Amino acid sequence: MLVVHRGNENQNSWCGLARRVSVSVLSCILWAASLTRGQVTVPPDEMKPASDVLDGQSNQEEMLSVLKDRELGLAQQLTQGFPEHEEPLVIMGNVLSRRGLTDQAMAFWDRALQKNPQRVDVCHKMAQLALEVDELERAISLWRKTLELDPK
């Protein structure tokens, strides 16, 4: 669930959009998952819009930093709260990859593949990241595995 408030801010600016988003997607995932377990574990600050945490004069870099920190915190909660599932590991790998933490991202994706070796999407992400960091042999090996899993 994504709630967007319309305001006077520039509708086309990224910062304006980020300030209007009331609940992050990961907050919703964590909240919904905690409900199925009979407990609510989302900290109250995670449910607040980022613009409520920052003062009204915050710039884009501060807003981005707050959102990235929230994303990482929620991904950590997911991996700790649902250690038996591969999806939180994939999410954490995605978050770490976006932060440029290649080795950590690969480690989380490797763990996800150990839980479910049929995850074509994870093999493909790992291959792309390996190519970006010039690990060509690893990228080729991962793409071969991707083709074995899904030859289409």
Protein backbone atom coordinates (compact mmCIF):
# COMPACT_ATOMS: atom_id res chain seq x y z
CA MET A 1 0.00 0.00 0.00
CA LEU A 2 1.43 3.34 -0.99
CA VAL A 3 -0.29 6.49 0.23
CA VAL A 4 0.52 9.71 -1.61
CA HIS A 5 -0.56 13.15 -0.45
CA ARG A 6 -1.06 15.88 -2.99
CA GLY A 7 0.39 19.20 -1.96
CA ASN A 8 1.84 22.41 -3.32
CA GLU A 9 5.24 20.88 -4.00
CA ASN A 10 6.44 20.37 -7.53
CA GLN A 11 4.75 17.14 -8.64
CA ASN A 12 7.67 16.25 -10.92
CA SER A 13 10.50 16.56 -8.41
CA TRP A 14 11.87 13.42 -6.78
CA CYS A 15 12.19 15.18 -3.43
CA GLY A 16 8.60 16.37 -3.64
CA LEU A 17 7.42 12.84 -4.29
CA ALA A 18 9.53 11.44 -1.46
CA ARG A 19 8.08 13.98 0.95
CA ARG A 20 4.53 12.98 -0.01
CA VAL A 21 5.03 9.25 0.44
CA SER A 22 3.43 8.29 3.76
CA VAL A 23 4.56 4.69 4.09
CA SER A 24 7.51 2.99 2.46
CA VAL A 25 6.95 -0.23 0.57
CA LEU A 26 9.26 -2.17 2.88
CA SER A 27 7.37 -0.85 5.93
CA CYS A 28 4.18 -2.26 4.44
CA ILE A 29 5.79 -5.63 3.73
CA LEU A 30 7.18 -5.87 7.25
CA TRP A 31 3.93 -4.71 8.80
CA ALA A 32 1.82 -7.18 6.80
CA ALA A 33 4.22 -10.00 7.61
CA SER A 34 4.16 -9.17 11.32
CA LEU A 35 0.36 -9.24 11.27
CA THR A 36 0.40 -12.79 9.92
CA ARG A 37 2.58 -13.78 12.85
CA GLY A 38 0.18 -12.12 15.31
CA GLN A 39 2.52 -9.32 16.27
CA VAL A 40 3.22 -5.82 15.05
CA THR A 41 6.96 -5.12 14.99
CA VAL A 42 7.21 -1.98 12.85
CA PRO A 43 8.66 0.90 14.86
CA PRO A 44 6.38 3.96 14.84
CA ASP A 45 8.98 6.15 13.10
CA GLU A 46 9.04 3.75 10.15
CA MET A 47 5.36 4.45 9.54
CA LYS A 48 5.82 8.23 9.51
CA PRO A 49 6.47 10.12 6.28
CA ALA A 50 10.15 10.99 5.93
CA SER A 51 9.13 14.66 5.76
CA ASP A 52 7.79 14.38 9.35
CA VAL A 53 11.13 13.10 10.58
CA LEU A 54 13.03 15.94 8.89
CA ASP A 55 12.25 19.60 9.16
CA GLY A 56 10.56 21.29 6.22
CA GLN A 57 13.83 22.80 4.97
CA SER A 58 15.64 19.52 4.30
CA ASN A 59 17.37 19.15 0.98
CA GLN A 60 17.31 16.21 -1.40
CA GLU A 61 20.54 14.68 -0.05
CA GLU A 62 19.19 14.62 3.51
CA MET A 63 15.89 13.15 2.34
CA LEU A 64 17.68 10.49 0.30
CA SER A 65 19.90 9.63 3.26
CA VAL A 66 16.90 9.20 5.58
CA LEU A 67 15.10 7.03 3.03
CA LYS A 68 18.19 4.87 2.42
CA ASP A 69 18.66 4.38 6.16
CA ARG A 70 15.02 3.39 6.54
CA GLU A 71 15.29 0.98 3.61
CA LEU A 72 18.36 -0.68 5.12
CA GLY A 73 16.78 -0.88 8.57
CA LEU A 74 13.62 -2.46 7.22
CA ALA A 75 15.59 -4.95 5.13
CA GLN A 76 17.55 -5.91 8.25
CA GLN A 77 14.31 -6.42 10.17
CA LEU A 78 12.98 -8.63 7.39
CA THR A 79 16.10 -10.82 7.34
CA GLN A 80 16.05 -11.16 11.13
CA GLY A 81 12.31 -11.68 11.37
CA PHE A 82 12.06 -14.25 8.59
CA PRO A 83 15.35 -16.18 8.51
CA GLU A 84 13.72 -19.25 6.97
CA HIS A 85 12.69 -17.42 3.78
CA GLU A 86 14.86 -16.44 0.82
CA GLU A 87 12.95 -13.28 -0.15
CA PRO A 88 14.30 -11.10 2.71
CA LEU A 89 17.81 -12.17 1.67
CA VAL A 90 17.08 -11.09 -1.90
CA ILE A 91 15.71 -7.75 -0.67
CA MET A 92 18.80 -7.17 1.49
CA GLY A 93 21.04 -8.01 -1.48
CA ASN A 94 19.13 -5.48 -3.59
CA VAL A 95 19.49 -2.78 -0.93
CA LEU A 96 23.21 -3.44 -0.51
CA SER A 97 23.74 -3.51 -4.27
CA ARG A 98 22.11 -0.08 -4.63
CA ARG A 99 24.52 1.20 -1.96
CA GLY A 100 27.48 -0.13 -3.94
CA LEU A 101 28.30 -2.82 -1.37
CA THR A 102 28.98 -5.50 -3.96
CA ASP A 103 30.55 -8.19 -1.76
CA GLN A 104 27.80 -7.99 0.86
CA ALA A 105 25.07 -8.00 -1.81
CA MET A 106 26.57 -11.10 -3.43
CA ALA A 107 26.78 -12.82 -0.03
CA PHE A 108 23.08 -12.25 0.66
CA TRP A 109 22.12 -13.38 -2.84
CA ASP A 110 24.31 -16.49 -2.39
CA ARG A 111 22.42 -17.29 0.82
CA ALA A 112 19.11 -16.83 -1.02
CA LEU A 113 20.28 -19.27 -3.72
CA GLN A 114 21.23 -21.79 -1.06
CA LYS A 115 17.65 -21.67 0.20
CA ASN A 116 16.16 -21.78 -3.31
CA PRO A 117 18.59 -22.66 -6.13
CA GLN A 118 15.83 -22.13 -8.73
CA ARG A 119 15.80 -18.32 -8.34
CA VAL A 120 16.61 -17.25 -11.91
CA ASP A 121 16.18 -13.58 -10.98
CA VAL A 122 18.87 -13.83 -8.32
CA CYS A 123 21.32 -15.58 -10.67
CA HIS A 124 20.73 -12.85 -13.24
CA LYS A 125 21.27 -10.04 -10.69
CA MET A 126 24.47 -11.67 -9.52
CA ALA A 127 25.70 -12.03 -13.09
CA GLN A 128 24.97 -8.37 -13.85
CA LEU A 129 26.76 -7.23 -10.71
CA ALA A 130 29.73 -9.51 -11.42
CA LEU A 131 29.99 -7.96 -14.89
CA GLU A 132 29.86 -4.43 -13.42
CA VAL A 133 32.82 -5.19 -11.15
CA ASP A 134 34.79 -6.92 -13.94
CA GLU A 135 34.43 -10.46 -12.62
CA LEU A 136 33.85 -11.75 -16.13
CA GLU A 137 34.33 -15.48 -15.45
CA ARG A 138 31.87 -15.34 -12.57
CA ALA A 139 29.37 -13.40 -14.68
CA ILE A 140 29.60 -15.96 -17.49
CA SER A 141 29.17 -18.84 -15.04
CA LEU A 142 26.12 -17.21 -13.46
CA TRP A 143 24.52 -16.45 -16.83
CA ARG A 144 25.06 -20.09 -17.86
CA LYS A 145 23.28 -21.15 -14.70
CA THR A 146 20.49 -18.67 -15.49
CA LEU A 147 20.09 -20.20 -18.96
CA GLU A 148 20.04 -23.71 -17.50
CA LEU A 149 17.24 -22.71 -15.13
CA ASP A 150 15.26 -20.78 -17.73
CA PRO A 151 16.33 -21.44 -21.33
CA LYS A 152 13.69 -19.10 -22.82
